[in-house]
Amino acid sequence: MRRVLLTLILCAQSASMSAASGPAVFHTASFGGSRSVSLSLAEGGPARDPAFDFDVVITLSEFDGGGLMLYRDGGRHKASVRCISPAMVRINSADYAIDVSVSPGADWKHDLWAALCTAPVS
C-alpha cells in the first residue's frame, strides 16, 4: 500500500512539473551571489530495486545573478531514493544515508529525499 501511495505522489509531482515551465527544482546552491546551480527532477517513477521507493533522473542548470541560464547539463543523472528508515539516496552504486533532521538546503541529497518523501498528502 505504501508503494502505491508513493507512486501516486510521484505521478502527481510529475504532472505538476509538466504543467510548470520546466522540471521541479529541489536544490539550489549559490556561489557568491553571481552564480547559482539548480538541481531539478526531470523524471521519475517507482524504483526497480525493492529496497528503494523511487528511481529519478536529475538535471543540473547554472544561472547568473539575474536568473539567466548560462548552462544546462545534458546528462541524465540517475538516483534512487528510499523514504523509510534508514532513509537513503543511491547514486551509481554508492549509498548515502540521509539525516532526516537536517535543515533544507544544507545537502542536495537530503533535499532530493525531502522532495520525494515528505510531499504533502491530502
PDB file of N, CA and C in Angstrom:
ATOM      1  N   MET A   1       0.827  -1.186   0.000  1.00  0.00           N
ATOM      2  CA  MET A   1       0.000   0.000   0.000  1.00  0.00           C
ATOM      3  C   MET A   1       0.871   1.249   0.000  1.00  0.00           C
ATOM      4  N   ARG A   2       1.972   1.229   0.778  1.00  0.00           N
ATOM      5  CA  ARG A   2       2.865   2.377   0.835  1.00  0.00           C
ATOM      6  C   ARG A   2       3.450   2.671  -0.546  1.00  0.00           C
ATOM      7  N   ARG A   3       3.852   1.626  -1.265  1.00  0.00           N
ATOM      8  CA  ARG A   3       4.439   1.818  -2.594  1.00  0.00           C
ATOM      9  C   ARG A   3       3.416   2.432  -3.549  1.00  0.00           C
ATOM     10  N   VAL A   4       2.168   2.022  -3.465  1.00  0.00           N
ATOM     11  CA  VAL A   4       1.113   2.596  -4.311  1.00  0.00           C
ATOM     12  C   VAL A   4       0.941   4.074  -3.993  1.00  0.00           C
ATOM     13  N   LEU A   5       0.899   4.407  -2.707  1.00  0.00           N
ATOM     14  CA  LEU A   5       0.747   5.804  -2.299  1.00  0.00           C
ATOM     15  C   LEU A   5       1.923   6.639  -2.784  1.00  0.00           C
ATOM     16  N   LEU A   6       3.147   6.124  -2.624  1.00  0.00           N
ATOM     17  CA  LEU A   6       4.321   6.859  -3.077  1.00  0.00           C
ATOM     18  C   LEU A   6       4.316   7.043  -4.591  1.00  0.00           C
ATOM     19  N   THR A   7       3.880   6.037  -5.319  1.00  0.00           N
ATOM     20  CA  THR A   7       3.788   6.141  -6.770  1.00  0.00           C
ATOM     21  C   THR A   7       2.789   7.221  -7.164  1.00  0.00           C
ATOM     22  N   LEU A   8       1.652   7.272  -6.476  1.00  0.00           N
ATOM     23  CA  LEU A   8       0.654   8.309  -6.760  1.00  0.00           C
ATOM     24  C   LEU A   8       1.204   9.698  -6.478  1.00  0.00           C
ATOM     25  N   ILE A   9       1.967   9.853  -5.398  1.00  0.00           N
ATOM     26  CA  ILE A   9       2.572  11.143  -5.074  1.00  0.00           C
ATOM     27  C   ILE A   9       3.540  11.561  -6.166  1.00  0.00           C
ATOM     28  N   LEU A  10       4.399  10.632  -6.611  1.00  0.00           N
ATOM     29  CA  LEU A  10       5.359  10.965  -7.654  1.00  0.00           C
ATOM     30  C   LEU A  10       4.654  11.306  -8.950  1.00  0.00           C
ATOM     31  N   CYS A  11       3.600  10.586  -9.288  1.00  0.00           N
ATOM     32  CA  CYS A  11       2.849  10.887 -10.513  1.00  0.00           C
ATOM     33  C   CYS A  11       2.234  12.275 -10.427  1.00  0.00           C
ATOM     34  N   ALA A  12       1.723  12.646  -9.262  1.00  0.00           N
ATOM     35  CA  ALA A  12       1.149  13.983  -9.084  1.00  0.00           C
ATOM     36  C   ALA A  12       2.229  15.040  -9.225  1.00  0.00           C
ATOM     37  N   GLN A  13       3.427  14.777  -8.666  1.00  0.00           N
ATOM     38  CA  GLN A  13       4.527  15.724  -8.819  1.00  0.00           C
ATOM     39  C   GLN A  13       4.949  15.828 -10.271  1.00  0.00           C
ATOM     40  N   SER A  14       4.999  14.703 -10.977  1.00  0.00           N
ATOM     41  CA  SER A  14       5.380  14.721 -12.390  1.00  0.00           C
ATOM     42  C   SER A  14       4.380  15.513 -13.209  1.00  0.00           C
ATOM     43  N   ALA A  15       3.103  15.368 -12.903  1.00  0.00           N
ATOM     44  CA  ALA A  15       2.072  16.117 -13.625  1.00  0.00           C
ATOM     45  C   ALA A  15       2.216  17.601 -13.361  1.00  0.00           C
ATOM     46  N   SER A  16       2.514  17.978 -12.112  1.00  0.00           N
ATOM     47  CA  SER A  16       2.672  19.397 -11.824  1.00  0.00           C
ATOM     48  C   SER A  16       3.946  19.932 -12.455  1.00  0.00           C
ATOM     49  N   MET A  17       5.000  19.091 -12.558  1.00  0.00           N
ATOM     50  CA  MET A  17       6.223  19.531 -13.222  1.00  0.00           C
ATOM     51  C   MET A  17       5.953  19.754 -14.701  1.00  0.00           C
ATOM     52  N   SER A  18       5.157  18.903 -15.325  1.00  0.00           N
ATOM     53  CA  SER A  18       4.858  19.044 -16.743  1.00  0.00           C
ATOM     54  C   SER A  18       4.052  20.297 -17.001  1.00  0.00           C
ATOM     55  N   ALA A  19       3.180  20.647 -16.074  1.00  0.00           N
ATOM     56  CA  ALA A  19       2.349  21.830 -16.237  1.00  0.00           C
ATOM     57  C   ALA A  19       3.158  23.095 -16.014  1.00  0.00           C
ATOM     58  N   ALA A  20       4.237  23.020 -15.252  1.00  0.00           N
ATOM     59  CA  ALA A  20       5.067  24.183 -14.994  1.00  0.00           C
ATOM     60  C   ALA A  20       5.981  24.428 -16.189  1.00  0.00           C
ATOM     61  N   SER A  21       6.790  25.481 -16.086  1.00  0.00           N
ATOM     62  CA  SER A  21       7.649  25.851 -17.205  1.00  0.00           C
ATOM     63  C   SER A  21       8.835  24.913 -17.378  1.00  0.00           C
ATOM     64  N   GLY A  22       9.118  24.081 -16.411  1.00  0.00           N
ATOM     65  CA  GLY A  22      10.240  23.169 -16.528  1.00  0.00           C
ATOM     66  C   GLY A  22      10.260  22.201 -15.370  1.00  0.00           C
ATOM     67  N   PRO A  23      11.361  21.443 -15.263  1.00  0.00           N
ATOM     68  CA  PRO A  23      11.474  20.478 -14.176  1.00  0.00           C
ATOM     69  C   PRO A  23      11.415  21.162 -12.805  1.00  0.00           C
ATOM     70  N   ALA A  24      10.976  20.434 -11.799  1.00  0.00           N
ATOM     71  CA  ALA A  24      10.840  20.967 -10.445  1.00  0.00           C
ATOM     72  C   ALA A  24      12.198  21.029  -9.757  1.00  0.00           C
ATOM     73  N   VAL A  25      12.615  22.229  -9.377  1.00  0.00           N
ATOM     74  CA  VAL A  25      13.880  22.420  -8.674  1.00  0.00           C
ATOM     75  C   VAL A  25      13.729  21.918  -7.243  1.00  0.00           C
ATOM     76  N   PHE A  26      14.669  21.088  -6.804  1.00  0.00           N
ATOM     77  CA  PHE A  26      14.639  20.612  -5.425  1.00  0.00           C
ATOM     78  C   PHE A  26      15.817  21.119  -4.608  1.00  0.00           C
ATOM     79  N   HIS A  27      16.849  21.681  -5.262  1.00  0.00           N
ATOM     80  CA  HIS A  27      18.001  22.205  -4.522  1.00  0.00           C
ATOM     81  C   HIS A  27      18.690  23.275  -5.361  1.00  0.00           C
ATOM     82  N   THR A  28      19.076  24.365  -4.707  1.00  0.00           N
ATOM     83  CA  THR A  28      19.849  25.422  -5.357  1.00  0.00           C
ATOM     84  C   THR A  28      21.020  25.796  -4.468  1.00  0.00           C
ATOM     85  N   ALA A  29      22.196  25.885  -5.070  1.00  0.00           N
ATOM     86  CA  ALA A  29      23.400  26.330  -4.365  1.00  0.00           C
ATOM     87  C   ALA A  29      23.860  27.625  -5.009  1.00  0.00           C
ATOM     88  N   SER A  30      24.141  28.636  -4.178  1.00  0.00           N
ATOM     89  CA  SER A  30      24.601  29.937  -4.678  1.00  0.00           C
ATOM     90  C   SER A  30      26.102  30.057  -4.480  1.00  0.00           C
ATOM     91  N   PHE A  31      26.734  30.739  -5.420  1.00  0.00           N
ATOM     92  CA  PHE A  31      28.181  30.930  -5.374  1.00  0.00           C
ATOM     93  C   PHE A  31      28.472  32.420  -5.443  1.00  0.00           C
ATOM     94  N   GLY A  32      28.580  33.046  -4.296  1.00  0.00           N
ATOM     95  CA  GLY A  32      28.938  34.451  -4.225  1.00  0.00           C
ATOM     96  C   GLY A  32      27.897  35.410  -4.764  1.00  0.00           C
ATOM     97  N   GLY A  33      26.678  34.986  -4.921  1.00  0.00           N
ATOM     98  CA  GLY A  33      25.618  35.870  -5.392  1.00  0.00           C
ATOM     99  C   GLY A  33      25.592  36.098  -6.892  1.00  0.00           C
ATOM    100  N   SER A  34      26.675  35.750  -7.579  1.00  0.00           N
ATOM    101  CA  SER A  34      26.702  35.994  -9.022  1.00  0.00           C
ATOM    102  C   SER A  34      26.313  34.769  -9.840  1.00  0.00           C
ATOM    103  N   ARG A  35      26.379  33.624  -9.247  1.00  0.00           N
ATOM    104  CA  ARG A  35      26.030  32.386  -9.954  1.00  0.00           C
ATOM    105  C   ARG A  35      25.337  31.432  -9.005  1.00  0.00           C
ATOM    106  N   SER A  36      24.467  30.607  -9.581  1.00  0.00           N
ATOM    107  CA  SER A  36      23.826  29.554  -8.799  1.00  0.00           C
ATOM    108  C   SER A  36      23.674  28.316  -9.667  1.00  0.00           C
ATOM    109  N   VAL A  37      23.601  27.184  -9.013  1.00  0.00           N
ATOM    110  CA  VAL A  37      23.380  25.905  -9.680  1.00  0.00           C
ATOM    111  C   VAL A  37      22.120  25.299  -9.085  1.00  0.00           C
ATOM    112  N   SER A  38      21.206  24.903  -9.956  1.00  0.00           N
ATOM    113  CA  SER A  38      19.957  24.286  -9.517  1.00  0.00           C
ATOM    114  C   SER A  38      19.911  22.839  -9.972  1.00  0.00           C
ATOM    115  N   LEU A  39      19.455  21.984  -9.069  1.00  0.00           N
ATOM    116  CA  LEU A  39      19.220  20.575  -9.370  1.00  0.00           C
ATOM    117  C   LEU A  39      17.719  20.376  -9.440  1.00  0.00           C
ATOM    118  N   SER A  40      17.267  19.687 -10.493  1.00  0.00           N
ATOM    119  CA  SER A  40      15.838  19.505 -10.728  1.00  0.00           C
ATOM    120  C   SER A  40      15.508  18.048 -10.986  1.00  0.00           C
ATOM    121  N   LEU A  41      14.262  17.690 -10.671  1.00  0.00           N
ATOM    122  CA  LEU A  41      13.743  16.367 -11.014  1.00  0.00           C
ATOM    123  C   LEU A  41      13.222  16.432 -12.447  1.00  0.00           C
ATOM    124  N   ALA A  42      13.851  15.682 -13.338  1.00  0.00           N
ATOM    125  CA  ALA A  42      13.439  15.674 -14.737  1.00  0.00           C
ATOM    126  C   ALA A  42      12.384  14.603 -14.998  1.00  0.00           C
ATOM    127  N   GLU A  43      12.527  13.472 -14.319  1.00  0.00           N
ATOM    128  CA  GLU A  43      11.561  12.374 -14.462  1.00  0.00           C
ATOM    129  C   GLU A  43      11.761  11.402 -13.319  1.00  0.00           C
ATOM    130  N   GLY A  44      10.790  10.526 -13.142  1.00  0.00           N
ATOM    131  CA  GLY A  44      10.905   9.540 -12.074  1.00  0.00           C
ATOM    132  C   GLY A  44       9.757   8.557 -12.096  1.00  0.00           C
ATOM    133  N   GLY A  45       9.919   7.532 -11.310  1.00  0.00           N
ATOM    134  CA  GLY A  45       8.900   6.501 -11.197  1.00  0.00           C
ATOM    135  C   GLY A  45       9.255   5.557 -10.068  1.00  0.00           C
ATOM    136  N   PRO A  46       8.480   4.500  -9.921  1.00  0.00           N
ATOM    137  CA  PRO A  46       8.763   3.515  -8.872  1.00  0.00           C
ATOM    138  C   PRO A  46      10.138   2.884  -9.085  1.00  0.00           C
ATOM    139  N   ALA A  47      10.821   2.601  -8.007  1.00  0.00           N
ATOM    140  CA  ALA A  47      12.159   2.013  -8.086  1.00  0.00           C
ATOM    141  C   ALA A  47      12.098   0.571  -8.566  1.00  0.00           C
ATOM    142  N   ARG A  48      13.085   0.179  -9.334  1.00  0.00           N
ATOM    143  CA  ARG A  48      13.199  -1.221  -9.766  1.00  0.00           C
ATOM    144  C   ARG A  48      13.697  -2.097  -8.633  1.00  0.00           C
ATOM    145  N   ASP A  49      14.577  -1.533  -7.795  1.00  0.00           N
ATOM    146  CA  ASP A  49      15.108  -2.259  -6.643  1.00  0.00           C
ATOM    147  C   ASP A  49      14.087  -2.146  -5.512  1.00  0.00           C
ATOM    148  N   PRO A  50      13.593  -3.271  -4.982  1.00  0.00           N
ATOM    149  CA  PRO A  50      12.567  -3.220  -3.938  1.00  0.00           C
ATOM    150  C   PRO A  50      13.036  -2.563  -2.631  1.00  0.00           C
ATOM    151  N   ALA A  51      14.332  -2.349  -2.456  1.00  0.00           N
ATOM    152  CA  ALA A  51      14.845  -1.681  -1.261  1.00  0.00           C
ATOM    153  C   ALA A  51      14.652  -0.164  -1.327  1.00  0.00           C
ATOM    154  N   PHE A  52      14.265   0.346  -2.506  1.00  0.00           N
ATOM    155  CA  PHE A  52      14.092   1.780  -2.705  1.00  0.00           C
ATOM    156  C   PHE A  52      12.659   2.066  -3.147  1.00  0.00           C
ATOM    157  N   ASP A  53      12.274   3.323  -3.038  1.00  0.00           N
ATOM    158  CA  ASP A  53      10.920   3.731  -3.404  1.00  0.00           C
ATOM    159  C   ASP A  53      10.843   4.377  -4.788  1.00  0.00           C
ATOM    160  N   PHE A  54      11.858   5.171  -5.151  1.00  0.00           N
ATOM    161  CA  PHE A  54      11.821   5.916  -6.412  1.00  0.00           C
ATOM    162  C   PHE A  54      13.130   5.803  -7.171  1.00  0.00           C
ATOM    163  N   ASP A  55      13.032   5.779  -8.495  1.00  0.00           N
ATOM    164  CA  ASP A  55      14.159   5.991  -9.393  1.00  0.00           C
ATOM    165  C   ASP A  55      13.878   7.306 -10.100  1.00  0.00           C
ATOM    166  N   VAL A  56      14.861   8.213 -10.095  1.00  0.00           N
ATOM    167  CA  VAL A  56      14.661   9.532 -10.690  1.00  0.00           C
ATOM    168  C   VAL A  56      15.832   9.899 -11.594  1.00  0.00           C
ATOM    169  N   VAL A  57      15.588  10.896 -12.421  1.00  0.00           N
ATOM    170  CA  VAL A  57      16.631  11.495 -13.247  1.00  0.00           C
ATOM    171  C   VAL A  57      16.745  12.952 -12.825  1.00  0.00           C
ATOM    172  N   ILE A  58      17.968  13.383 -12.559  1.00  0.00           N
ATOM    173  CA  ILE A  58      18.252  14.732 -12.080  1.00  0.00           C
ATOM    174  C   ILE A  58      18.933  15.521 -13.195  1.00  0.00           C
ATOM    175  N   THR A  59      18.528  16.789 -13.345  1.00  0.00           N
ATOM    176  CA  THR A  59      19.197  17.690 -14.272  1.00  0.00           C
ATOM    177  C   THR A  59      19.884  18.791 -13.483  1.00  0.00           C
ATOM    178  N   LEU A  60      20.896  19.394 -14.088  1.00  0.00           N
ATOM    179  CA  LEU A  60      21.669  20.446 -13.457  1.00  0.00           C
ATOM    180  C   LEU A  60      21.685  21.653 -14.383  1.00  0.00           C
ATOM    181  N   SER A  61      21.413  22.832 -13.823  1.00  0.00           N
ATOM    182  CA  SER A  61      21.441  24.073 -14.601  1.00  0.00           C
ATOM    183  C   SER A  61      22.190  25.133 -13.818  1.00  0.00           C
ATOM    184  N   GLU A  62      22.951  25.977 -14.539  1.00  0.00           N
ATOM    185  CA  GLU A  62      23.669  27.087 -13.921  1.00  0.00           C
ATOM    186  C   GLU A  62      23.041  28.397 -14.374  1.00  0.00           C
ATOM    187  N   PHE A  63      22.873  29.334 -13.435  1.00  0.00           N
ATOM    188  CA  PHE A  63      22.248  30.621 -13.708  1.00  0.00           C
ATOM    189  C   PHE A  63      23.158  31.748 -13.247  1.00  0.00           C
ATOM    190  N   ASP A  64      23.064  32.908 -13.929  1.00  0.00           N
ATOM    191  CA  ASP A  64      23.788  34.078 -13.449  1.00  0.00           C
ATOM    192  C   ASP A  64      22.963  34.774 -12.371  1.00  0.00           C
ATOM    193  N   GLY A  65      23.480  35.872 -11.815  1.00  0.00           N
ATOM    194  CA  GLY A  65      22.807  36.575 -10.733  1.00  0.00           C
ATOM    195  C   GLY A  65      21.441  37.117 -11.101  1.00  0.00           C
ATOM    196  N   GLY A  66      21.179  37.331 -12.400  1.00  0.00           N
ATOM    197  CA  GLY A  66      19.889  37.843 -12.847  1.00  0.00           C
ATOM    198  C   GLY A  66      18.901  36.759 -13.243  1.00  0.00           C
ATOM    199  N   GLY A  67      19.283  35.515 -13.096  1.00  0.00           N
ATOM    200  CA  GLY A  67      18.382  34.412 -13.415  1.00  0.00           C
ATOM    201  C   GLY A  67      18.502  33.890 -14.837  1.00  0.00           C
ATOM    202  N   LEU A  68      19.448  34.410 -15.614  1.00  0.00           N
ATOM    203  CA  LEU A  68      19.664  33.945 -16.986  1.00  0.00           C
ATOM    204  C   LEU A  68      20.417  32.619 -16.957  1.00  0.00           C
ATOM    205  N   MET A  69      19.888  31.622 -17.679  1.00  0.00           N
ATOM    206  CA  MET A  69      20.537  30.315 -17.709  1.00  0.00           C
ATOM    207  C   MET A  69      21.829  30.412 -18.509  1.00  0.00           C
ATOM    208  N   LEU A  70      22.911  30.005 -17.877  1.00  0.00           N
ATOM    209  CA  LEU A  70      24.222  30.009 -18.514  1.00  0.00           C
ATOM    210  C   LEU A  70      24.571  28.642 -19.083  1.00  0.00           C
ATOM    211  N   TYR A  71      24.068  27.597 -18.424  1.00  0.00           N
ATOM    212  CA  TYR A  71      24.453  26.238 -18.821  1.00  0.00           C
ATOM    213  C   TYR A  71      23.393  25.258 -18.349  1.00  0.00           C
ATOM    214  N   ARG A  72      23.066  24.325 -19.196  1.00  0.00           N
ATOM    215  CA  ARG A  72      22.215  23.195 -18.793  1.00  0.00           C
ATOM    216  C   ARG A  72      22.956  21.925 -19.159  1.00  0.00           C
ATOM    217  N   ASP A  73      23.206  21.104 -18.153  1.00  0.00           N
ATOM    218  CA  ASP A  73      23.893  19.837 -18.346  1.00  0.00           C
ATOM    219  C   ASP A  73      22.977  18.892 -19.100  1.00  0.00           C
ATOM    220  N   GLY A  74      23.442  18.337 -20.182  1.00  0.00           N
ATOM    221  CA  GLY A  74      22.644  17.423 -20.985  1.00  0.00           C
ATOM    222  C   GLY A  74      22.656  15.990 -20.481  1.00  0.00           C
ATOM    223  N   GLY A  75      23.386  15.738 -19.398  1.00  0.00           N
ATOM    224  CA  GLY A  75      23.484  14.386 -18.861  1.00  0.00           C
ATOM    225  C   GLY A  75      22.211  13.938 -18.169  1.00  0.00           C
ATOM    226  N   ARG A  76      22.074  12.636 -18.033  1.00  0.00           N
ATOM    227  CA  ARG A  76      20.938  12.035 -17.320  1.00  0.00           C
ATOM    228  C   ARG A  76      21.500  11.407 -16.049  1.00  0.00           C
ATOM    229  N   HIS A  77      21.411  12.147 -14.955  1.00  0.00           N
ATOM    230  CA  HIS A  77      21.974  11.721 -13.687  1.00  0.00           C
ATOM    231  C   HIS A  77      20.910  10.951 -12.911  1.00  0.00           C
ATOM    232  N   LYS A  78      21.128   9.663 -12.786  1.00  0.00           N
ATOM    233  CA  LYS A  78      20.136   8.781 -12.167  1.00  0.00           C
ATOM    234  C   LYS A  78      20.416   8.608 -10.679  1.00  0.00           C
ATOM    235  N   ALA A  79      19.326   8.502  -9.916  1.00  0.00           N
ATOM    236  CA  ALA A  79      19.425   8.260  -8.476  1.00  0.00           C
ATOM    237  C   ALA A  79      18.223   7.434  -8.040  1.00  0.00           C
ATOM    238  N   SER A  80      18.389   6.736  -6.937  1.00  0.00           N
ATOM    239  CA  SER A  80      17.297   6.006  -6.303  1.00  0.00           C
ATOM    240  C   SER A  80      17.138   6.550  -4.893  1.00  0.00           C
ATOM    241  N   VAL A  81      15.887   6.582  -4.414  1.00  0.00           N
ATOM    242  CA  VAL A  81      15.587   7.171  -3.113  1.00  0.00           C
ATOM    243  C   VAL A  81      14.769   6.183  -2.283  1.00  0.00           C
ATOM    244  N   ARG A  82      15.193   5.999  -1.024  1.00  0.00           N
ATOM    245  CA  ARG A  82      14.415   5.203  -0.070  1.00  0.00           C
ATOM    246  C   ARG A  82      13.863   6.163   0.981  1.00  0.00           C
ATOM    247  N   CYS A  83      12.551   6.149   1.143  1.00  0.00           N
ATOM    248  CA  CYS A  83      11.879   7.063   2.071  1.00  0.00           C
ATOM    249  C   CYS A  83      11.905   6.580   3.506  1.00  0.00           C
ATOM    250  N   ILE A  84      11.723   5.277   3.700  1.00  0.00           N
ATOM    251  CA  ILE A  84      11.609   4.745   5.060  1.00  0.00           C
ATOM    252  C   ILE A  84      12.992   4.546   5.681  1.00  0.00           C
ATOM    253  N   SER A  85      13.020   4.399   6.982  1.00  0.00           N
ATOM    254  CA  SER A  85      14.265   4.239   7.710  1.00  0.00           C
ATOM    255  C   SER A  85      14.940   2.922   7.343  1.00  0.00           C
ATOM    256  N   PRO A  86      16.231   2.927   7.086  1.00  0.00           N
ATOM    257  CA  PRO A  86      17.081   4.105   7.053  1.00  0.00           C
ATOM    258  C   PRO A  86      16.924   4.849   5.725  1.00  0.00           C
ATOM    259  N   ALA A  87      16.625   6.137   5.813  1.00  0.00           N
ATOM    260  CA  ALA A  87      16.476   6.967   4.614  1.00  0.00           C
ATOM    261  C   ALA A  87      17.794   6.970   3.849  1.00  0.00           C
ATOM    262  N   MET A  88      17.687   6.885   2.504  1.00  0.00           N
ATOM    263  CA  MET A  88      18.900   6.731   1.722  1.00  0.00           C
ATOM    264  C   MET A  88      18.711   7.235   0.299  1.00  0.00           C
ATOM    265  N   VAL A  89      19.811   7.714  -0.292  1.00  0.00           N
ATOM    266  CA  VAL A  89      19.867   8.053  -1.707  1.00  0.00           C
ATOM    267  C   VAL A  89      21.014   7.246  -2.305  1.00  0.00           C
ATOM    268  N   ARG A  90      20.753   6.587  -3.427  1.00  0.00           N
ATOM    269  CA  ARG A  90      21.778   5.812  -4.134  1.00  0.00           C
ATOM    270  C   ARG A  90      22.097   6.518  -5.442  1.00  0.00           C
ATOM    271  N   ILE A  91      23.385   6.752  -5.658  1.00  0.00           N
ATOM    272  CA  ILE A  91      23.866   7.315  -6.911  1.00  0.00           C
ATOM    273  C   ILE A  91      24.920   6.349  -7.425  1.00  0.00           C
ATOM    274  N   ASN A  92      24.694   5.846  -8.651  1.00  0.00           N
ATOM    275  CA  ASN A  92      25.505   4.750  -9.180  1.00  0.00           C
ATOM    276  C   ASN A  92      25.406   3.602  -8.188  1.00  0.00           C
ATOM    277  N   SER A  93      26.498   3.141  -7.643  1.00  0.00           N
ATOM    278  CA  SER A  93      26.420   2.037  -6.678  1.00  0.00           C
ATOM    279  C   SER A  93      26.709   2.507  -5.252  1.00  0.00           C
ATOM    280  N   ALA A  94      26.821   3.826  -5.057  1.00  0.00           N
ATOM    281  CA  ALA A  94      27.115   4.363  -3.724  1.00  0.00           C
ATOM    282  C   ALA A  94      25.821   4.734  -3.002  1.00  0.00           C
ATOM    283  N   ASP A  95      25.678   4.253  -1.763  1.00  0.00           N
ATOM    284  CA  ASP A  95      24.522   4.565  -0.929  1.00  0.00           C
ATOM    285  C   ASP A  95      24.904   5.652   0.069  1.00  0.00           C
ATOM    286  N   TYR A  96      24.052   6.684   0.162  1.00  0.00           N
ATOM    287  CA  TYR A  96      24.275   7.802   1.071  1.00  0.00           C
ATOM    288  C   TYR A  96      23.137   7.851   2.075  1.00  0.00           C
ATOM    289  N   ALA A  97      23.473   7.671   3.359  1.00  0.00           N
ATOM    290  CA  ALA A  97      22.474   7.759   4.425  1.00  0.00           C
ATOM    291  C   ALA A  97      22.006   9.206   4.522  1.00  0.00           C
ATOM    292  N   ILE A  98      20.712   9.394   4.750  1.00  0.00           N
ATOM    293  CA  ILE A  98      20.124  10.721   4.850  1.00  0.00           C
ATOM    294  C   ILE A  98      19.764  10.988   6.305  1.00  0.00           C
ATOM    295  N   ASP A  99      20.288  12.085   6.827  1.00  0.00           N
ATOM    296  CA  ASP A  99      19.913  12.547   8.160  1.00  0.00           C
ATOM    297  C   ASP A  99      18.645  13.372   7.988  1.00  0.00           C
ATOM    298  N   VAL A 100      17.512  12.806   8.349  1.00  0.00           N
ATOM    299  CA  VAL A 100      16.224  13.455   8.096  1.00  0.00           C
ATOM    300  C   VAL A 100      16.022  14.697   8.955  1.00  0.00           C
ATOM    301  N   SER A 101      16.886  14.919   9.959  1.00  0.00           N
ATOM    302  CA  SER A 101      16.751  16.096  10.814  1.00  0.00           C
ATOM    303  C   SER A 101      17.489  17.320  10.266  1.00  0.00           C
ATOM    304  N   VAL A 102      18.234  17.159   9.184  1.00  0.00           N
ATOM    305  CA  VAL A 102      18.989  18.270   8.596  1.00  0.00           C
ATOM    306  C   VAL A 102      18.022  19.305   8.026  1.00  0.00           C
ATOM    307  N   SER A 103      18.396  20.567   8.125  1.00  0.00           N
ATOM    308  CA  SER A 103      17.579  21.651   7.567  1.00  0.00           C
ATOM    309  C   SER A 103      17.650  21.628   6.045  1.00  0.00           C
ATOM    310  N   PRO A 104      16.550  21.998   5.382  1.00  0.00           N
ATOM    311  CA  PRO A 104      16.556  22.064   3.912  1.00  0.00           C
ATOM    312  C   PRO A 104      17.644  23.014   3.409  1.00  0.00           C
ATOM    313  N   GLY A 105      18.248  22.646   2.294  1.00  0.00           N
ATOM    314  CA  GLY A 105      19.263  23.478   1.660  1.00  0.00           C
ATOM    315  C   GLY A 105      20.686  23.150   2.046  1.00  0.00           C
ATOM    316  N   ALA A 106      20.874  22.373   3.091  1.00  0.00           N
ATOM    317  CA  ALA A 106      22.226  22.065   3.562  1.00  0.00           C
ATOM    318  C   ALA A 106      22.919  21.022   2.689  1.00  0.00           C
ATOM    319  N   ASP A 107      22.156  20.087   2.147  1.00  0.00           N
ATOM    320  CA  ASP A 107      22.730  18.975   1.383  1.00  0.00           C
ATOM    321  C   ASP A 107      21.769  18.596   0.263  1.00  0.00           C
ATOM    322  N   TRP A 108      22.256  18.479  -0.953  1.00  0.00           N
ATOM    323  CA  TRP A 108      21.360  18.215  -2.084  1.00  0.00           C
ATOM    324  C   TRP A 108      20.710  16.837  -1.992  1.00  0.00           C
ATOM    325  N   LYS A 109      21.416  15.866  -1.419  1.00  0.00           N
ATOM    326  CA  LYS A 109      20.830  14.525  -1.306  1.00  0.00           C
ATOM    327  C   LYS A 109      19.653  14.541  -0.328  1.00  0.00           C
ATOM    328  N   HIS A 110      19.804  15.275   0.772  1.00  0.00           N
ATOM    329  CA  HIS A 110      18.694  15.422   1.716  1.00  0.00           C
ATOM    330  C   HIS A 110      17.523  16.121   1.027  1.00  0.00           C
ATOM    331  N   ASP A 111      17.793  17.151   0.242  1.00  0.00           N
ATOM    332  CA  ASP A 111      16.720  17.886  -0.431  1.00  0.00           C
ATOM    333  C   ASP A 111      16.012  17.022  -1.467  1.00  0.00           C
ATOM    334  N   LEU A 112      16.757  16.148  -2.148  1.00  0.00           N
ATOM    335  CA  LEU A 112      16.132  15.199  -3.082  1.00  0.00           C
ATOM    336  C   LEU A 112      15.215  14.265  -2.309  1.00  0.00           C
ATOM    337  N   TRP A 113      15.716  13.698  -1.210  1.00  0.00           N
ATOM    338  CA  TRP A 113      14.904  12.809  -0.377  1.00  0.00           C
ATOM    339  C   TRP A 113      13.641  13.535   0.102  1.00  0.00           C
ATOM    340  N   ALA A 114      13.806  14.758   0.601  1.00  0.00           N
ATOM    341  CA  ALA A 114      12.669  15.519   1.126  1.00  0.00           C
ATOM    342  C   ALA A 114      11.641  15.836   0.035  1.00  0.00           C
ATOM    343  N   ALA A 115      12.110  16.158  -1.159  1.00  0.00           N
ATOM    344  CA  ALA A 115      11.184  16.479  -2.257  1.00  0.00           C
ATOM    345  C   ALA A 115      10.288  15.302  -2.593  1.00  0.00           C
ATOM    346  N   LEU A 116      10.817  14.099  -2.475  1.00  0.00           N
ATOM    347  CA  LEU A 116      10.046  12.907  -2.821  1.00  0.00           C
ATOM    348  C   LEU A 116       9.324  12.271  -1.629  1.00  0.00           C
ATOM    349  N   CYS A 117       9.938  12.340  -0.468  1.00  0.00           N
ATOM    350  CA  CYS A 117       9.431  11.556   0.657  1.00  0.00           C
ATOM    351  C   CYS A 117       8.626  12.348   1.674  1.00  0.00           C
ATOM    352  N   THR A 118       8.651  13.647   1.582  1.00  0.00           N
ATOM    353  CA  THR A 118       7.875  14.456   2.539  1.00  0.00           C
ATOM    354  C   THR A 118       6.826  15.289   1.823  1.00  0.00           C
ATOM    355  N   ALA A 119       6.441  14.862   0.615  1.00  0.00           N
ATOM    356  CA  ALA A 119       5.406  15.591  -0.135  1.00  0.00           C
ATOM    357  C   ALA A 119       4.107  15.561   0.656  1.00  0.00           C
ATOM    358  N   PRO A 120       3.393  16.698   0.702  1.00  0.00           N
ATOM    359  CA  PRO A 120       2.130  16.723   1.441  1.00  0.00           C
ATOM    360  C   PRO A 120       1.111  15.756   0.841  1.00  0.00           C
ATOM    361  N   VAL A 121       0.381  15.098   1.710  1.00  0.00           N
ATOM    362  CA  VAL A 121      -0.662  14.171   1.288  1.00  0.00           C
ATOM    363  C   VAL A 121      -1.974  14.691   1.844  1.00  0.00           C
ATOM    364  N   SER A 122      -2.970  14.832   0.959  1.00  0.00           N
ATOM    365  CA  SER A 122      -4.267  15.337   1.445  1.00  0.00           C
ATOM    366  C   SER A 122      -5.234  14.219   1.717  1.00  0.00           C
TER     367      SER A 122
END
